[in-house]
Every structure is written in structure tokens, then in C-alpha cells.
PDB file of N, CA and C in Angstrom:
ATOM      1  N   MET A   1      78.615  17.823 184.235  1.00  0.00           N
ATOM      2  CA  MET A   1      78.257  17.264 182.966  1.00  0.00           C
ATOM      3  C   MET A   1      79.003  17.982 181.854  1.00  0.00           C
ATOM      4  N   LEU A   2      79.160  17.290 180.749  1.00  0.00           N
ATOM      5  CA  LEU A   2      79.899  17.851 179.612  1.00  0.00           C
ATOM      6  C   LEU A   2      78.957  18.571 178.658  1.00  0.00           C
ATOM      7  N   PHE A   3      79.458  19.658 178.111  1.00  0.00           N
ATOM      8  CA  PHE A   3      78.737  20.417 177.092  1.00  0.00           C
ATOM      9  C   PHE A   3      79.673  20.680 175.922  1.00  0.00           C
ATOM     10  N   ALA A   4      79.163  20.460 174.715  1.00  0.00           N
ATOM     11  CA  ALA A   4      79.898  20.762 173.493  1.00  0.00           C
ATOM     12  C   ALA A   4      79.465  22.138 173.007  1.00  0.00           C
ATOM     13  N   LEU A   5      80.433  23.017 172.824  1.00  0.00           N
ATOM     14  CA  LEU A   5      80.194  24.339 172.251  1.00  0.00           C
ATOM     15  C   LEU A   5      80.623  24.253 170.793  1.00  0.00           C
ATOM     16  N   ILE A   6      79.652  24.315 169.899  1.00  0.00           N
ATOM     17  CA  ILE A   6      79.888  24.161 168.468  1.00  0.00           C
ATOM     18  C   ILE A   6      79.734  25.556 167.852  1.00  0.00           C
ATOM     19  N   CYS A   7      80.854  26.153 167.494  1.00  0.00           N
ATOM     20  CA  CYS A   7      80.888  27.558 167.101  1.00  0.00           C
ATOM     21  C   CYS A   7      81.264  27.694 165.624  1.00  0.00           C
ATOM     22  N   LYS A   8      80.490  28.489 164.923  1.00  0.00           N
ATOM     23  CA  LYS A   8      80.746  28.755 163.505  1.00  0.00           C
ATOM     24  C   LYS A   8      81.149  30.222 163.362  1.00  0.00           C
ATOM     25  N   ASP A   9      82.305  30.456 162.724  1.00  0.00           N
ATOM     26  CA  ASP A   9      82.776  31.823 162.516  1.00  0.00           C
ATOM     27  C   ASP A   9      81.927  32.549 161.481  1.00  0.00           C
ATOM     28  N   LYS A  10      81.854  33.858 161.619  1.00  0.00           N
ATOM     29  CA  LYS A  10      81.238  34.692 160.589  1.00  0.00           C
ATOM     30  C   LYS A  10      82.111  34.619 159.340  1.00  0.00           C
ATOM     31  N   PRO A  11      81.509  34.655 158.159  1.00  0.00           N
ATOM     32  CA  PRO A  11      82.310  34.668 156.930  1.00  0.00           C
ATOM     33  C   PRO A  11      83.253  35.873 156.914  1.00  0.00           C
ATOM     34  N   GLY A  12      84.466  35.650 156.421  1.00  0.00           N
ATOM     35  CA  GLY A  12      85.432  36.731 156.273  1.00  0.00           C
ATOM     36  C   GLY A  12      86.020  37.234 157.588  1.00  0.00           C
ATOM     37  N   SER A  13      85.970  36.411 158.636  1.00  0.00           N
ATOM     38  CA  SER A  13      86.411  36.884 159.952  1.00  0.00           C
ATOM     39  C   SER A  13      87.729  36.266 160.413  1.00  0.00           C
ATOM     40  N   LEU A  14      88.496  35.715 159.501  1.00  0.00           N
ATOM     41  CA  LEU A  14      89.754  35.069 159.885  1.00  0.00           C
ATOM     42  C   LEU A  14      90.669  36.024 160.649  1.00  0.00           C
ATOM     43  N   GLN A  15      90.752  37.277 160.233  1.00  0.00           N
ATOM     44  CA  GLN A  15      91.647  38.218 160.919  1.00  0.00           C
ATOM     45  C   GLN A  15      91.204  38.454 162.362  1.00  0.00           C
ATOM     46  N   VAL A  16      89.897  38.494 162.607  1.00  0.00           N
ATOM     47  CA  VAL A  16      89.397  38.636 163.981  1.00  0.00           C
ATOM     48  C   VAL A  16      89.870  37.449 164.813  1.00  0.00           C
ATOM     49  N   ARG A  17      89.766  36.260 164.243  1.00  0.00           N
ATOM     50  CA  ARG A  17      90.216  35.046 164.936  1.00  0.00           C
ATOM     51  C   ARG A  17      91.706  35.136 165.250  1.00  0.00           C
ATOM     52  N   LEU A  18      92.502  35.503 164.260  1.00  0.00           N
ATOM     53  CA  LEU A  18      93.950  35.573 164.451  1.00  0.00           C
ATOM     54  C   LEU A  18      94.329  36.630 165.497  1.00  0.00           C
ATOM     55  N   ASP A  19      93.660  37.776 165.436  1.00  0.00           N
ATOM     56  CA  ASP A  19      93.969  38.856 166.370  1.00  0.00           C
ATOM     57  C   ASP A  19      93.586  38.510 167.806  1.00  0.00           C
ATOM     58  N   THR A  20      92.531  37.737 167.967  1.00  0.00           N
ATOM     59  CA  THR A  20      91.990  37.425 169.291  1.00  0.00           C
ATOM     60  C   THR A  20      92.532  36.118 169.852  1.00  0.00           C
ATOM     61  N   ARG A  21      93.227  35.345 169.040  1.00  0.00           N
ATOM     62  CA  ARG A  21      93.675  34.011 169.447  1.00  0.00           C
ATOM     63  C   ARG A  21      94.486  33.987 170.744  1.00  0.00           C
ATOM     64  N   PRO A  22      95.438  34.907 170.967  1.00  0.00           N
ATOM     65  CA  PRO A  22      96.189  34.835 172.229  1.00  0.00           C
ATOM     66  C   PRO A  22      95.289  34.930 173.474  1.00  0.00           C
ATOM     67  N   GLU A  23      94.292  35.806 173.442  1.00  0.00           N
ATOM     68  CA  GLU A  23      93.351  35.924 174.561  1.00  0.00           C
ATOM     69  C   GLU A  23      92.511  34.653 174.695  1.00  0.00           C
ATOM     70  N   HIS A  24      92.091  34.097 173.565  1.00  0.00           N
ATOM     71  CA  HIS A  24      91.296  32.872 173.566  1.00  0.00           C
ATOM     72  C   HIS A  24      92.097  31.711 174.160  1.00  0.00           C
ATOM     73  N   VAL A  25      93.350  31.580 173.758  1.00  0.00           N
ATOM     74  CA  VAL A  25      94.210  30.509 174.282  1.00  0.00           C
ATOM     75  C   VAL A  25      94.394  30.676 175.788  1.00  0.00           C
ATOM     76  N   ALA A  26      94.613  31.900 176.255  1.00  0.00           N
ATOM     77  CA  ALA A  26      94.756  32.146 177.695  1.00  0.00           C
ATOM     78  C   ALA A  26      93.470  31.776 178.435  1.00  0.00           C
ATOM     79  N   PHE A  27      92.331  32.079 177.830  1.00  0.00           N
ATOM     80  CA  PHE A  27      91.036  31.724 178.410  1.00  0.00           C
ATOM     81  C   PHE A  27      90.914  30.203 178.544  1.00  0.00           C
ATOM     82  N   LEU A  28      91.265  29.479 177.477  1.00  0.00           N
ATOM     83  CA  LEU A  28      91.198  28.016 177.522  1.00  0.00           C
ATOM     84  C   LEU A  28      92.186  27.450 178.539  1.00  0.00           C
ATOM     85  N   GLU A  29      93.368  28.039 178.626  1.00  0.00           N
ATOM     86  CA  GLU A  29      94.343  27.588 179.619  1.00  0.00           C
ATOM     87  C   GLU A  29      93.801  27.776 181.035  1.00  0.00           C
ATOM     88  N   GLY A  30      93.074  28.860 181.258  1.00  0.00           N
ATOM     89  CA  GLY A  30      92.429  29.084 182.552  1.00  0.00           C
ATOM     90  C   GLY A  30      91.386  28.025 182.850  1.00  0.00           C
ATOM     91  N   LEU A  31      90.571  27.692 181.838  1.00  0.00           N
ATOM     92  CA  LEU A  31      89.577  26.626 182.013  1.00  0.00           C
ATOM     93  C   LEU A  31      90.253  25.305 182.302  1.00  0.00           C
ATOM     94  N   ASN A  32      91.350  25.064 181.630  1.00  0.00           N
ATOM     95  CA  ASN A  32      92.098  23.830 181.846  1.00  0.00           C
ATOM     96  C   ASN A  32      92.621  23.777 183.287  1.00  0.00           C
ATOM     97  N   GLY A  33      93.102  24.878 183.779  1.00  0.00           N
ATOM     98  CA  GLY A  33      93.590  24.949 185.150  1.00  0.00           C
ATOM     99  C   GLY A  33      92.490  24.730 186.184  1.00  0.00           C
ATOM    100  N   GLU A  34      91.252  25.054 185.806  1.00  0.00           N
ATOM    101  CA  GLU A  34      90.097  24.847 186.685  1.00  0.00           C
ATOM    102  C   GLU A  34      89.462  23.468 186.472  1.00  0.00           C
ATOM    103  N   ASN A  35      90.091  22.644 185.644  1.00  0.00           N
ATOM    104  CA  ASN A  35      89.565  21.309 185.294  1.00  0.00           C
ATOM    105  C   ASN A  35      88.179  21.376 184.658  1.00  0.00           C
ATOM    106  N   LYS A  36      87.925  22.429 183.886  1.00  0.00           N
ATOM    107  CA  LYS A  36      86.652  22.567 183.183  1.00  0.00           C
ATOM    108  C   LYS A  36      86.762  22.223 181.699  1.00  0.00           C
ATOM    109  N   LEU A  37      87.971  22.194 181.150  1.00  0.00           N
ATOM    110  CA  LEU A  37      88.152  21.966 179.719  1.00  0.00           C
ATOM    111  C   LEU A  37      88.451  20.498 179.458  1.00  0.00           C
ATOM    112  N   ALA A  38      87.585  19.842 178.669  1.00  0.00           N
ATOM    113  CA  ALA A  38      87.846  18.453 178.257  1.00  0.00           C
ATOM    114  C   ALA A  38      88.778  18.461 177.051  1.00  0.00           C
ATOM    115  N   PHE A  39      88.406  19.198 176.014  1.00  0.00           N
ATOM    116  CA  PHE A  39      89.255  19.372 174.839  1.00  0.00           C
ATOM    117  C   PHE A  39      88.704  20.497 173.986  1.00  0.00           C
ATOM    118  N   ALA A  40      89.525  20.970 173.053  1.00  0.00           N
ATOM    119  CA  ALA A  40      89.112  22.075 172.191  1.00  0.00           C
ATOM    120  C   ALA A  40      89.977  22.101 170.947  1.00  0.00           C
ATOM    121  N   GLY A  41      89.429  22.687 169.893  1.00  0.00           N
ATOM    122  CA  GLY A  41      90.187  22.878 168.667  1.00  0.00           C
ATOM    123  C   GLY A  41      89.324  23.500 167.594  1.00  0.00           C
ATOM    124  N   PRO A  42      89.976  24.002 166.551  1.00  0.00           N
ATOM    125  CA  PRO A  42      89.236  24.670 165.477  1.00  0.00           C
ATOM    126  C   PRO A  42      88.712  23.690 164.427  1.00  0.00           C
ATOM    127  N   PHE A  43      87.598  24.073 163.834  1.00  0.00           N
ATOM    128  CA  PHE A  43      87.164  23.446 162.586  1.00  0.00           C
ATOM    129  C   PHE A  43      87.963  24.112 161.475  1.00  0.00           C
ATOM    130  N   LEU A  44      88.171  23.398 160.366  1.00  0.00           N
ATOM    131  CA  LEU A  44      88.969  23.922 159.259  1.00  0.00           C
ATOM    132  C   LEU A  44      88.161  23.938 157.974  1.00  0.00           C
ATOM    133  N   ASP A  45      88.417  24.937 157.138  1.00  0.00           N
ATOM    134  CA  ASP A  45      87.767  24.987 155.828  1.00  0.00           C
ATOM    135  C   ASP A  45      88.559  24.131 154.832  1.00  0.00           C
ATOM    136  N   ASP A  46      88.156  24.149 153.581  1.00  0.00           N
ATOM    137  CA  ASP A  46      88.798  23.322 152.551  1.00  0.00           C
ATOM    138  C   ASP A  46      90.266  23.683 152.322  1.00  0.00           C
ATOM    139  N   ASP A  47      90.650  24.905 152.693  1.00  0.00           N
ATOM    140  CA  ASP A  47      92.038  25.348 152.560  1.00  0.00           C
ATOM    141  C   ASP A  47      92.854  25.122 153.830  1.00  0.00           C
ATOM    142  N   GLY A  48      92.239  24.495 154.833  1.00  0.00           N
ATOM    143  CA  GLY A  48      92.933  24.231 156.084  1.00  0.00           C
ATOM    144  C   GLY A  48      92.986  25.418 157.035  1.00  0.00           C
ATOM    145  N   LYS A  49      92.184  26.454 156.764  1.00  0.00           N
ATOM    146  CA  LYS A  49      92.152  27.636 157.631  1.00  0.00           C
ATOM    147  C   LYS A  49      91.006  27.482 158.634  1.00  0.00           C
ATOM    148  N   PRO A  50      91.198  27.943 159.877  1.00  0.00           N
ATOM    149  CA  PRO A  50      90.153  27.800 160.880  1.00  0.00           C
ATOM    150  C   PRO A  50      88.910  28.616 160.531  1.00  0.00           C
ATOM    151  N   ASN A  51      87.748  28.004 160.773  1.00  0.00           N
ATOM    152  CA  ASN A  51      86.482  28.688 160.487  1.00  0.00           C
ATOM    153  C   ASN A  51      85.409  28.392 161.533  1.00  0.00           C
ATOM    154  N   GLY A  52      85.841  27.919 162.685  1.00  0.00           N
ATOM    155  CA  GLY A  52      84.919  27.620 163.777  1.00  0.00           C
ATOM    156  C   GLY A  52      85.671  26.927 164.890  1.00  0.00           C
ATOM    157  N   SER A  53      84.944  26.550 165.921  1.00  0.00           N
ATOM    158  CA  SER A  53      85.567  25.911 167.078  1.00  0.00           C
ATOM    159  C   SER A  53      84.667  24.829 167.643  1.00  0.00           C
ATOM    160  N   LEU A  54      85.304  23.810 168.200  1.00  0.00           N
ATOM    161  CA  LEU A  54      84.631  22.819 169.027  1.00  0.00           C
ATOM    162  C   LEU A  54      85.327  22.859 170.375  1.00  0.00           C
ATOM    163  N   VAL A  55      84.576  23.200 171.402  1.00  0.00           N
ATOM    164  CA  VAL A  55      85.103  23.271 172.764  1.00  0.00           C
ATOM    165  C   VAL A  55      84.177  22.434 173.634  1.00  0.00           C
ATOM    166  N   VAL A  56      84.738  21.463 174.340  1.00  0.00           N
ATOM    167  CA  VAL A  56      83.948  20.633 175.241  1.00  0.00           C
ATOM    168  C   VAL A  56      84.373  20.953 176.666  1.00  0.00           C
ATOM    169  N   VAL A  57      83.380  21.354 177.464  1.00  0.00           N
ATOM    170  CA  VAL A  57      83.647  21.806 178.825  1.00  0.00           C
ATOM    171  C   VAL A  57      82.794  21.046 179.835  1.00  0.00           C
ATOM    172  N   GLU A  58      83.279  21.012 181.047  1.00  0.00           N
ATOM    173  CA  GLU A  58      82.548  20.453 182.182  1.00  0.00           C
ATOM    174  C   GLU A  58      81.904  21.629 182.910  1.00  0.00           C
ATOM    175  N   GLU A  59      80.584  21.585 183.028  1.00  0.00           N
ATOM    176  CA  GLU A  59      79.850  22.624 183.761  1.00  0.00           C
ATOM    177  C   GLU A  59      78.673  21.981 184.483  1.00  0.00           C
ATOM    178  N   ARG A  60      78.130  22.702 185.473  1.00  0.00           N
ATOM    179  CA  ARG A  60      77.066  22.140 186.298  1.00  0.00           C
ATOM    180  C   ARG A  60      75.713  22.092 185.601  1.00  0.00           C
ATOM    181  N   ASN A  61      75.484  23.011 184.640  1.00  0.00           N
ATOM    182  CA  ASN A  61      74.205  23.041 183.922  1.00  0.00           C
ATOM    183  C   ASN A  61      74.347  23.883 182.658  1.00  0.00           C
ATOM    184  N   LEU A  62      73.286  23.907 181.865  1.00  0.00           N
ATOM    185  CA  LEU A  62      73.308  24.628 180.588  1.00  0.00           C
ATOM    186  C   LEU A  62      73.562  26.119 180.791  1.00  0.00           C
ATOM    187  N   GLU A  63      72.967  26.703 181.798  1.00  0.00           N
ATOM    188  CA  GLU A  63      73.140  28.134 182.032  1.00  0.00           C
ATOM    189  C   GLU A  63      74.605  28.474 182.307  1.00  0.00           C
ATOM    190  N   ALA A  64      75.276  27.645 183.074  1.00  0.00           N
ATOM    191  CA  ALA A  64      76.696  27.872 183.348  1.00  0.00           C
ATOM    192  C   ALA A  64      77.530  27.707 182.077  1.00  0.00           C
ATOM    193  N   ALA A  65      77.177  26.730 181.240  1.00  0.00           N
ATOM    194  CA  ALA A  65      77.882  26.536 179.964  1.00  0.00           C
ATOM    195  C   ALA A  65      77.659  27.738 179.045  1.00  0.00           C
ATOM    196  N   GLU A  66      76.455  28.283 179.050  1.00  0.00           N
ATOM    197  CA  GLU A  66      76.171  29.472 178.241  1.00  0.00           C
ATOM    198  C   GLU A  66      76.991  30.669 178.719  1.00  0.00           C
ATOM    199  N   ALA A  67      77.096  30.836 180.029  1.00  0.00           N
ATOM    200  CA  ALA A  67      77.879  31.946 180.575  1.00  0.00           C
ATOM    201  C   ALA A  67      79.356  31.785 180.240  1.00  0.00           C
ATOM    202  N   LEU A  68      79.848  30.568 180.348  1.00  0.00           N
ATOM    203  CA  LEU A  68      81.242  30.294 179.995  1.00  0.00           C
ATOM    204  C   LEU A  68      81.477  30.611 178.522  1.00  0.00           C
ATOM    205  N   SER A  69      80.577  30.178 177.668  1.00  0.00           N
ATOM    206  CA  SER A  69      80.710  30.428 176.233  1.00  0.00           C
ATOM    207  C   SER A  69      80.734  31.928 175.931  1.00  0.00           C
ATOM    208  N   ALA A  70      79.870  32.676 176.588  1.00  0.00           N
ATOM    209  CA  ALA A  70      79.793  34.122 176.363  1.00  0.00           C
ATOM    210  C   ALA A  70      81.052  34.838 176.833  1.00  0.00           C
ATOM    211  N   ALA A  71      81.778  34.249 177.787  1.00  0.00           N
ATOM    212  CA  ALA A  71      82.994  34.868 178.311  1.00  0.00           C
ATOM    213  C   ALA A  71      84.217  34.625 177.431  1.00  0.00           C
ATOM    214  N   ASP A  72      84.115  33.712 176.479  1.00  0.00           N
ATOM    215  CA  ASP A  72      85.234  33.412 175.575  1.00  0.00           C
ATOM    216  C   ASP A  72      85.599  34.676 174.789  1.00  0.00           C
ATOM    217  N   PRO A  73      86.871  35.032 174.758  1.00  0.00           N
ATOM    218  CA  PRO A  73      87.275  36.217 173.992  1.00  0.00           C
ATOM    219  C   PRO A  73      86.842  36.184 172.523  1.00  0.00           C
ATOM    220  N   PHE A  74      86.797  35.016 171.911  1.00  0.00           N
ATOM    221  CA  PHE A  74      86.290  34.936 170.534  1.00  0.00           C
ATOM    222  C   PHE A  74      84.838  35.415 170.473  1.00  0.00           C
ATOM    223  N   ALA A  75      84.017  34.971 171.414  1.00  0.00           N
ATOM    224  CA  ALA A  75      82.611  35.390 171.441  1.00  0.00           C
ATOM    225  C   ALA A  75      82.511  36.895 171.699  1.00  0.00           C
ATOM    226  N   ARG A  76      83.288  37.393 172.651  1.00  0.00           N
ATOM    227  CA  ARG A  76      83.241  38.822 172.976  1.00  0.00           C
ATOM    228  C   ARG A  76      83.717  39.684 171.814  1.00  0.00           C
ATOM    229  N   ALA A  77      84.591  39.143 170.955  1.00  0.00           N
ATOM    230  CA  ALA A  77      85.082  39.881 169.786  1.00  0.00           C
ATOM    231  C   ALA A  77      84.097  39.836 168.620  1.00  0.00           C
ATOM    232  N   GLY A  78      83.008  39.096 168.779  1.00  0.00           N
ATOM    233  CA  GLY A  78      82.016  39.007 167.706  1.00  0.00           C
ATOM    234  C   GLY A  78      82.415  38.067 166.585  1.00  0.00           C
ATOM    235  N   LEU A  79      83.302  37.114 166.855  1.00  0.00           N
ATOM    236  CA  LEU A  79      83.788  36.206 165.819  1.00  0.00           C
ATOM    237  C   LEU A  79      82.709  35.252 165.308  1.00  0.00           C
ATOM    238  N   PHE A  80      81.841  34.805 166.194  1.00  0.00           N
ATOM    239  CA  PHE A  80      80.951  33.702 165.841  1.00  0.00           C
ATOM    240  C   PHE A  80      79.653  34.150 165.179  1.00  0.00           C
ATOM    241  N   GLU A  81      79.320  33.455 164.103  1.00  0.00           N
ATOM    242  CA  GLU A  81      78.023  33.607 163.452  1.00  0.00           C
ATOM    243  C   GLU A  81      76.960  32.883 164.266  1.00  0.00           C
ATOM    244  N   SER A  82      77.343  31.731 164.822  1.00  0.00           N
ATOM    245  CA  SER A  82      76.419  30.951 165.636  1.00  0.00           C
ATOM    246  C   SER A  82      77.195  30.134 166.660  1.00  0.00           C
ATOM    247  N   VAL A  83      76.525  29.847 167.769  1.00  0.00           N
ATOM    248  CA  VAL A  83      77.062  28.973 168.805  1.00  0.00           C
ATOM    249  C   VAL A  83      75.933  28.048 169.239  1.00  0.00           C
ATOM    250  N   GLU A  84      76.168  26.763 169.100  1.00  0.00           N
ATOM    251  CA  GLU A  84      75.222  25.757 169.567  1.00  0.00           C
ATOM    252  C   GLU A  84      75.850  25.083 170.770  1.00  0.00           C
ATOM    253  N   ILE A  85      75.104  24.994 171.852  1.00  0.00           N
ATOM    254  CA  ILE A  85      75.602  24.357 173.070  1.00  0.00           C
ATOM    255  C   ILE A  85      74.724  23.149 173.355  1.00  0.00           C
ATOM    256  N   ARG A  86      75.376  21.976 173.401  1.00  0.00           N
ATOM    257  CA  ARG A  86      74.640  20.731 173.585  1.00  0.00           C
ATOM    258  C   ARG A  86      75.289  19.891 174.670  1.00  0.00           C
ATOM    259  N   GLN A  87      74.449  19.317 175.529  1.00  0.00           N
ATOM    260  CA  GLN A  87      74.964  18.371 176.518  1.00  0.00           C
ATOM    261  C   GLN A  87      75.526  17.181 175.761  1.00  0.00           C
ATOM    262  N   TRP A  88      76.657  16.658 176.243  1.00  0.00           N
ATOM    263  CA  TRP A  88      77.384  15.633 175.486  1.00  0.00           C
ATOM    264  C   TRP A  88      77.885  14.555 176.424  1.00  0.00           C
ATOM    265  N   ASN A  89      77.903  13.326 175.948  1.00  0.00           N
ATOM    266  CA  ASN A  89      78.388  12.191 176.717  1.00  0.00           C
ATOM    267  C   ASN A  89      79.600  11.592 176.031  1.00  0.00           C
ATOM    268  N   TRP A  90      80.740  11.641 176.680  1.00  0.00           N
ATOM    269  CA  TRP A  90      81.978  11.094 176.135  1.00  0.00           C
ATOM    270  C   TRP A  90      81.965   9.595 176.378  1.00  0.00           C
ATOM    271  N   THR A  91      81.718   8.811 175.337  1.00  0.00           N
ATOM    272  CA  THR A  91      81.523   7.371 175.483  1.00  0.00           C
ATOM    273  C   THR A  91      82.766   6.569 175.116  1.00  0.00           C
ATOM    274  N   PHE A  92      83.387   6.845 173.996  1.00  0.00           N
ATOM    275  CA  PHE A  92      84.528   6.058 173.519  1.00  0.00           C
ATOM    276  C   PHE A  92      85.820   6.853 173.566  1.00  0.00           C
ATOM    277  N   ASN A  93      86.923   6.149 173.853  1.00  0.00           N
ATOM    278  CA  ASN A  93      88.282   6.694 173.839  1.00  0.00           C
ATOM    279  C   ASN A  93      88.484   7.857 174.792  1.00  0.00           C
ATOM    280  N   LYS A  94      87.754   7.838 175.881  1.00  0.00           N
ATOM    281  CA  LYS A  94      87.933   8.868 176.897  1.00  0.00           C
ATOM    282  C   LYS A  94      89.222   8.579 177.667  1.00  0.00           C
ATOM    283  N   PRO A  95      90.128   9.564 177.738  1.00  0.00           N
ATOM    284  CA  PRO A  95      91.368   9.341 178.495  1.00  0.00           C
ATOM    285  C   PRO A  95      91.044   9.079 179.975  1.00  0.00           C
ATOM    286  N   ALA A  96      91.859   8.295 180.606  1.00  0.00           N
ATOM    287  CA  ALA A  96      91.640   7.957 182.013  1.00  0.00           C
ATOM    288  C   ALA A  96      91.645   9.199 182.899  1.00  0.00           C
ATOM    289  N   SER A  97      92.405  10.222 182.513  1.00  0.00           N
ATOM    290  CA  SER A  97      92.515  11.438 183.316  1.00  0.00           C
ATOM    291  C   SER A  97      91.378  12.405 183.080  1.00  0.00           C
ATOM    292  N   ALA A  98      90.535  12.162 182.084  1.00  0.00           N
ATOM    293  CA  ALA A  98      89.459  13.120 181.767  1.00  0.00           C
ATOM    294  C   ALA A  98      88.222  12.876 182.599  1.00  0.00           C
TER     295      ALA A  98
END
């Protein structure tokens, strides 16, 4: 099942995001290689700078999605003010390969 990880950065934490981004990208690439990543990308503030993340993953249950979220280098670096994890159903415009 799909889970949406809706992550909000702590205020003033852009440098943490930038410093940790290479590890985060490698983590997402690993998930992609395991066919667990549906899609991902940053939320942007009014100036176009990243201030959060939306990551949609395939996992067997909420507990597994929570563990995956906690393993994200951004989470381990303390970037996020909050993380909401919600089961999600991809209804429209789903790619055939997803």
C-alpha cells in the first residue's frame, strides 16, 4: 500500500537540508531500486526555496512506513519540524509502470 510522508522543515533549517541532501538523494535512489518509491520532491516557500518534502512510498503497513521515514537522512539530521504519514490511494494519472 502507498503512504504519503508529508514533512515540514524546521524554520531556519535550509542549510541542514542543503548539507544533508546528497545522503537523502542516495537514500531515495535506494528506495527506488527496491521499488518502494512512487515519487518524491520538496515543497517550496514563496521564494522558491525548499521547506519540506512529499515522499510517497510503497510499504506493507504503517509501522514499516514509519520506520522508513525515520531512516531518511533528513529525519536523522533533525531537519523536520513535523512528519505526517498517511495511507494514500493513487487514483488519477498513475503511470503504467507505477
